[in-house]
Amino acid sequence: MSSVTQLPFGRPLTCADLDRMPDDGHRYELIDGVLVVSPAPWPLHQRAVSRLTALLLANCPTGLEVLAGPVDVRLAEDTLVQPDLIVARPDDLTDRGLLGPPLLAVEVLSPGNRGVDLVSKRARYESAGCPSYWIIDPDLPSLLPLELGPDGYLDTAPVTGGEAFAATAPFAVTVRPAELVAG
């Protein structure tokens, strides 16, 4: 039996509206009151998420937690995102997710979400004060690490293929994009 969810008309959506969405296997996110619905990710996407999760877990210091998505991250009353991976302090997590920005948000690009991850989510993580935002393109493969500075995210050159990215925040770890997707 299917259910129909009636969304309000004529106003931006809120996190309360999102709470009424069905649990139907889709990923529902809210960015500035606009509903974003994503299909299930492809295997290459999930391989990158799984391998990065394992790498971060192996290097994660006490006092921080690595969680693969979907995890609700509420950045504002009209913005709730589900990054592919987060690093947060355990005390900042609630039974429903994270209220406020994580220490690190990671998004792995898929054909249908490139614009959302590269533009909309980047802007929302930046304005919410997320210290580190990594964007992984599994097709190249590449990793674009963004660190929050006084004037917003600092644009850096992506690390591609077997090149090493030596992260220092939120903790020290070395990531090679090619190793995240190799078959």
C-alpha atoms as a PDB file:
ATOM      1  CA  MET A   1       0.000   0.000   0.000  1.00  0.00           C
ATOM      2  CA  SER A   2       1.434   3.385  -0.936  1.00  0.00           C
ATOM      3  CA  SER A   3       0.947   6.626   0.906  1.00  0.00           C
ATOM      4  CA  VAL A   4       0.639  10.143  -0.416  1.00  0.00           C
ATOM      5  CA  THR A   5       2.304  13.012   1.389  1.00  0.00           C
ATOM      6  CA  GLN A   6       0.731  16.417   0.849  1.00  0.00           C
ATOM      7  CA  LEU A   7       3.341  19.161   0.839  1.00  0.00           C
ATOM      8  CA  PRO A   8       2.428  22.744   1.707  1.00  0.00           C
ATOM      9  CA  PHE A   9       2.001  25.093  -1.237  1.00  0.00           C
ATOM     10  CA  GLY A  10       3.159  28.678  -1.493  1.00  0.00           C
ATOM     11  CA  ARG A  11       5.860  28.671   1.176  1.00  0.00           C
ATOM     12  CA  PRO A  12       9.338  27.251   1.696  1.00  0.00           C
ATOM     13  CA  LEU A  13       9.421  23.861   3.383  1.00  0.00           C
ATOM     14  CA  THR A  14      10.736  23.349   6.902  1.00  0.00           C
ATOM     15  CA  CYS A  15      12.372  20.484   8.761  1.00  0.00           C
ATOM     16  CA  ALA A  16       8.957  19.741  10.322  1.00  0.00           C
ATOM     17  CA  ASP A  17       7.538  19.232   6.813  1.00  0.00           C
ATOM     18  CA  LEU A  18      10.433  16.937   5.992  1.00  0.00           C
ATOM     19  CA  ASP A  19       9.661  14.810   9.057  1.00  0.00           C
ATOM     20  CA  ARG A  20       6.353  13.885   7.403  1.00  0.00           C
ATOM     21  CA  MET A  21       7.974  12.467   4.268  1.00  0.00           C
ATOM     22  CA  PRO A  22       7.579   8.717   3.727  1.00  0.00           C
ATOM     23  CA  ASP A  23      10.361   6.246   4.445  1.00  0.00           C
ATOM     24  CA  ASP A  24      10.437   4.989   0.869  1.00  0.00           C
ATOM     25  CA  GLY A  25      14.142   4.509   0.186  1.00  0.00           C
ATOM     26  CA  HIS A  26      14.682   7.949  -1.345  1.00  0.00           C
ATOM     27  CA  ARG A  27      16.986  10.503   0.189  1.00  0.00           C
ATOM     28  CA  TYR A  28      15.025  13.631   1.122  1.00  0.00           C
ATOM     29  CA  GLU A  29      16.997  16.758   1.884  1.00  0.00           C
ATOM     30  CA  LEU A  30      15.987  20.367   2.353  1.00  0.00           C
ATOM     31  CA  ILE A  31      18.153  23.272   1.216  1.00  0.00           C
ATOM     32  CA  ASP A  32      16.859  26.761   1.921  1.00  0.00           C
ATOM     33  CA  GLY A  33      13.294  25.441   2.007  1.00  0.00           C
ATOM     34  CA  VAL A  34      13.587  23.577  -1.312  1.00  0.00           C
ATOM     35  CA  LEU A  35      13.052  19.811  -1.350  1.00  0.00           C
ATOM     36  CA  VAL A  36      15.844  17.778  -2.967  1.00  0.00           C
ATOM     37  CA  VAL A  37      15.086  14.097  -3.665  1.00  0.00           C
ATOM     38  CA  SER A  38      17.896  11.750  -4.668  1.00  0.00           C
ATOM     39  CA  PRO A  39      17.718   8.161  -5.892  1.00  0.00           C
ATOM     40  CA  ALA A  40      19.772   5.369  -4.400  1.00  0.00           C
ATOM     41  CA  PRO A  41      23.491   5.855  -5.100  1.00  0.00           C
ATOM     42  CA  TRP A  42      25.428   3.806  -7.636  1.00  0.00           C
ATOM     43  CA  PRO A  43      27.970   1.131  -6.621  1.00  0.00           C
ATOM     44  CA  LEU A  44      31.001   3.327  -7.482  1.00  0.00           C
ATOM     45  CA  HIS A  45      29.615   6.033  -5.199  1.00  0.00           C
ATOM     46  CA  GLN A  46      29.101   3.551  -2.367  1.00  0.00           C
ATOM     47  CA  ARG A  47      32.562   2.048  -2.862  1.00  0.00           C
ATOM     48  CA  ALA A  48      34.119   5.496  -2.371  1.00  0.00           C
ATOM     49  CA  VAL A  49      31.991   6.147   0.717  1.00  0.00           C
ATOM     50  CA  SER A  50      32.789   2.733   2.226  1.00  0.00           C
ATOM     51  CA  ARG A  51      36.524   2.967   1.661  1.00  0.00           C
ATOM     52  CA  LEU A  52      36.755   6.536   2.930  1.00  0.00           C
ATOM     53  CA  THR A  53      34.726   5.568   5.998  1.00  0.00           C
ATOM     54  CA  ALA A  54      37.137   2.697   6.725  1.00  0.00           C
ATOM     55  CA  LEU A  55      40.160   4.971   6.241  1.00  0.00           C
ATOM     56  CA  LEU A  56      38.773   7.670   8.520  1.00  0.00           C
ATOM     57  CA  LEU A  57      37.701   5.151  11.169  1.00  0.00           C
ATOM     58  CA  ALA A  58      41.218   3.681  11.223  1.00  0.00           C
ATOM     59  CA  ASN A  59      42.695   7.119  11.913  1.00  0.00           C
ATOM     60  CA  CYS A  60      39.970   8.724  14.032  1.00  0.00           C
ATOM     61  CA  PRO A  61      41.149   9.890  17.438  1.00  0.00           C
ATOM     62  CA  THR A  62      39.217   9.417  20.654  1.00  0.00           C
ATOM     63  CA  GLY A  63      36.614  12.117  21.110  1.00  0.00           C
ATOM     64  CA  LEU A  64      35.447  12.148  17.482  1.00  0.00           C
ATOM     65  CA  GLU A  65      33.045   9.932  15.585  1.00  0.00           C
ATOM     66  CA  VAL A  66      32.921   8.981  11.895  1.00  0.00           C
ATOM     67  CA  LEU A  67      29.475   8.185  10.502  1.00  0.00           C
ATOM     68  CA  ALA A  68      28.549   7.159   6.977  1.00  0.00           C
ATOM     69  CA  GLY A  69      25.295   8.611   5.684  1.00  0.00           C
ATOM     70  CA  PRO A  70      22.568   9.022   5.611  1.00  0.00           C
ATOM     71  CA  VAL A  71      22.723  11.033   8.833  1.00  0.00           C
ATOM     72  CA  ASP A  72      20.459  14.041   9.241  1.00  0.00           C
ATOM     73  CA  VAL A  73      22.430  17.260   9.657  1.00  0.00           C
ATOM     74  CA  ARG A  74      20.171  20.171  10.525  1.00  0.00           C
ATOM     75  CA  LEU A  75      21.869  23.399   9.511  1.00  0.00           C
ATOM     76  CA  ALA A  76      18.798  25.650   9.875  1.00  0.00           C
ATOM     77  CA  GLU A  77      15.015  25.399  10.231  1.00  0.00           C
ATOM     78  CA  ASP A  78      14.786  25.266   6.427  1.00  0.00           C
ATOM     79  CA  THR A  79      17.918  23.204   5.734  1.00  0.00           C
ATOM     80  CA  LEU A  80      18.456  19.538   6.566  1.00  0.00           C
ATOM     81  CA  VAL A  81      21.080  17.645   4.579  1.00  0.00           C
ATOM     82  CA  GLN A  82      22.344  14.080   4.603  1.00  0.00           C
ATOM     83  CA  PRO A  83      26.051  14.076   3.752  1.00  0.00           C
ATOM     84  CA  ASP A  84      27.605  10.860   2.524  1.00  0.00           C
ATOM     85  CA  LEU A  85      29.929  10.909   5.532  1.00  0.00           C
ATOM     86  CA  ILE A  86      30.490  13.122   8.575  1.00  0.00           C
ATOM     87  CA  VAL A  87      32.969  13.533  11.389  1.00  0.00           C
ATOM     88  CA  ALA A  88      31.479  15.004  14.554  1.00  0.00           C
ATOM     89  CA  ARG A  89      31.885  15.077  18.289  1.00  0.00           C
ATOM     90  CA  PRO A  90      29.719  12.353  19.889  1.00  0.00           C
ATOM     91  CA  ASP A  91      28.264  14.897  22.335  1.00  0.00           C
ATOM     92  CA  ASP A  92      26.933  16.937  19.392  1.00  0.00           C
ATOM     93  CA  LEU A  93      24.852  14.019  18.078  1.00  0.00           C
ATOM     94  CA  THR A  94      21.229  13.497  19.090  1.00  0.00           C
ATOM     95  CA  ASP A  95      19.015  10.481  18.532  1.00  0.00           C
ATOM     96  CA  ARG A  96      17.796  12.225  15.326  1.00  0.00           C
ATOM     97  CA  GLY A  97      21.178  13.294  13.940  1.00  0.00           C
ATOM     98  CA  LEU A  98      23.343  16.361  14.223  1.00  0.00           C
ATOM     99  CA  LEU A  99      22.111  19.833  15.114  1.00  0.00           C
ATOM    100  CA  GLY A 100      24.535  22.202  13.434  1.00  0.00           C
ATOM    101  CA  PRO A 101      27.481  21.598  11.166  1.00  0.00           C
ATOM    102  CA  PRO A 102      29.814  18.606  11.483  1.00  0.00           C
ATOM    103  CA  LEU A 103      33.576  19.054  11.768  1.00  0.00           C
ATOM    104  CA  LEU A 104      33.836  17.425   8.338  1.00  0.00           C
ATOM    105  CA  ALA A 105      31.138  16.850   5.729  1.00  0.00           C
ATOM    106  CA  VAL A 106      31.919  14.660   2.727  1.00  0.00           C
ATOM    107  CA  GLU A 107      29.837  14.439  -0.430  1.00  0.00           C
ATOM    108  CA  VAL A 108      30.568  11.948  -3.197  1.00  0.00           C
ATOM    109  CA  LEU A 109      29.321  13.180  -6.556  1.00  0.00           C
ATOM    110  CA  SER A 110      26.775  11.219  -8.560  1.00  0.00           C
ATOM    111  CA  PRO A 111      25.417  12.121 -11.984  1.00  0.00           C
ATOM    112  CA  GLY A 112      22.216  13.525 -10.497  1.00  0.00           C
ATOM    113  CA  ASN A 113      23.664  15.500  -7.588  1.00  0.00           C
ATOM    114  CA  ARG A 114      26.685  17.358  -8.964  1.00  0.00           C
ATOM    115  CA  GLY A 115      25.128  20.820  -8.945  1.00  0.00           C
ATOM    116  CA  VAL A 116      23.586  20.359  -5.531  1.00  0.00           C
ATOM    117  CA  ASP A 117      26.859  19.203  -3.944  1.00  0.00           C
ATOM    118  CA  LEU A 118      29.140  21.648  -5.779  1.00  0.00           C
ATOM    119  CA  VAL A 119      26.978  24.754  -5.378  1.00  0.00           C
ATOM    120  CA  SER A 120      23.984  24.533  -3.030  1.00  0.00           C
ATOM    121  CA  LYS A 121      25.437  22.304  -0.317  1.00  0.00           C
ATOM    122  CA  ARG A 122      28.799  24.023  -0.500  1.00  0.00           C
ATOM    123  CA  ALA A 123      27.109  27.378   0.166  1.00  0.00           C
ATOM    124  CA  ARG A 124      25.029  25.996   3.047  1.00  0.00           C
ATOM    125  CA  TYR A 125      27.944  24.190   4.735  1.00  0.00           C
ATOM    126  CA  GLU A 126      30.014  27.351   4.372  1.00  0.00           C
ATOM    127  CA  SER A 127      27.357  29.681   5.815  1.00  0.00           C
ATOM    128  CA  ALA A 128      26.674  27.229   8.667  1.00  0.00           C
ATOM    129  CA  GLY A 129      30.378  27.247   9.612  1.00  0.00           C
ATOM    130  CA  CYS A 130      31.321  23.661   8.677  1.00  0.00           C
ATOM    131  CA  PRO A 131      35.132  23.748   9.090  1.00  0.00           C
ATOM    132  CA  SER A 132      35.941  21.117   6.440  1.00  0.00           C
ATOM    133  CA  TYR A 133      34.016  20.043   3.336  1.00  0.00           C
ATOM    134  CA  TRP A 134      35.378  17.413   0.978  1.00  0.00           C
ATOM    135  CA  ILE A 135      33.887  16.757  -2.449  1.00  0.00           C
ATOM    136  CA  ILE A 136      34.869  13.469  -4.062  1.00  0.00           C
ATOM    137  CA  ASP A 137      34.375  12.781  -7.753  1.00  0.00           C
ATOM    138  CA  PRO A 138      34.646   8.999  -8.140  1.00  0.00           C
ATOM    139  CA  ASP A 139      34.672   9.202 -11.943  1.00  0.00           C
ATOM    140  CA  LEU A 140      37.974  11.115 -12.199  1.00  0.00           C
ATOM    141  CA  PRO A 141      38.809  10.152  -9.328  1.00  0.00           C
ATOM    142  CA  SER A 142      39.475  13.350  -7.381  1.00  0.00           C
ATOM    143  CA  LEU A 143      39.049  14.997  -4.009  1.00  0.00           C
ATOM    144  CA  LEU A 144      38.419  18.721  -3.585  1.00  0.00           C
ATOM    145  CA  PRO A 145      39.187  19.640   0.047  1.00  0.00           C
ATOM    146  CA  LEU A 146      37.675  22.907   1.258  1.00  0.00           C
ATOM    147  CA  GLU A 147      38.700  24.449   4.565  1.00  0.00           C
ATOM    148  CA  LEU A 148      36.792  27.330   6.121  1.00  0.00           C
ATOM    149  CA  GLY A 149      38.765  30.545   6.413  1.00  0.00           C
ATOM    150  CA  PRO A 150      37.768  34.027   7.579  1.00  0.00           C
ATOM    151  CA  ASP A 151      36.263  34.834   4.161  1.00  0.00           C
ATOM    152  CA  GLY A 152      34.639  31.451   3.483  1.00  0.00           C
ATOM    153  CA  TYR A 153      35.940  28.264   1.923  1.00  0.00           C
ATOM    154  CA  LEU A 154      39.427  28.471   0.508  1.00  0.00           C
ATOM    155  CA  ASP A 155      39.545  27.185  -3.046  1.00  0.00           C
ATOM    156  CA  THR A 156      42.300  24.644  -3.484  1.00  0.00           C
ATOM    157  CA  ALA A 157      43.311  22.477  -6.394  1.00  0.00           C
ATOM    158  CA  PRO A 158      41.750  19.039  -6.325  1.00  0.00           C
ATOM    159  CA  VAL A 159      43.928  16.037  -5.642  1.00  0.00           C
ATOM    160  CA  THR A 160      43.532  13.491  -8.439  1.00  0.00           C
ATOM    161  CA  GLY A 161      44.306   9.847  -9.065  1.00  0.00           C
ATOM    162  CA  GLY A 162      47.087   8.510  -6.848  1.00  0.00           C
ATOM    163  CA  GLU A 163      48.095  11.940  -5.522  1.00  0.00           C
ATOM    164  CA  ALA A 164      48.025  12.183  -1.744  1.00  0.00           C
ATOM    165  CA  PHE A 165      45.961  14.657   0.231  1.00  0.00           C
ATOM    166  CA  ALA A 166      47.403  14.993   3.737  1.00  0.00           C
ATOM    167  CA  ALA A 167      44.530  16.264   5.848  1.00  0.00           C
ATOM    168  CA  THR A 168      45.211  17.888   9.187  1.00  0.00           C
ATOM    169  CA  ALA A 169      41.600  18.666  10.102  1.00  0.00           C
ATOM    170  CA  PRO A 170      39.561  17.346  11.714  1.00  0.00           C
ATOM    171  CA  PHE A 171      42.475  14.937  12.243  1.00  0.00           C
ATOM    172  CA  ALA A 172      45.541  13.728  10.388  1.00  0.00           C
ATOM    173  CA  VAL A 173      44.850  11.272   7.587  1.00  0.00           C
ATOM    174  CA  THR A 174      46.188  10.741   4.067  1.00  0.00           C
ATOM    175  CA  VAL A 175      43.672  10.164   1.273  1.00  0.00           C
ATOM    176  CA  ARG A 176      44.422   9.065  -2.291  1.00  0.00           C
ATOM    177  CA  PRO A 177      41.296   9.350  -4.461  1.00  0.00           C
ATOM    178  CA  ALA A 178      42.252   6.429  -6.727  1.00  0.00           C
ATOM    179  CA  GLU A 179      42.361   4.085  -3.725  1.00  0.00           C
ATOM    180  CA  LEU A 180      38.752   4.960  -2.878  1.00  0.00           C
ATOM    181  CA  VAL A 181      37.395   3.613  -6.164  1.00  0.00           C
ATOM    182  CA  ALA A 182      39.841   0.981  -7.444  1.00  0.00           C
ATOM    183  CA  GLY A 183      38.008  -2.217  -8.370  1.00  0.00           C
END
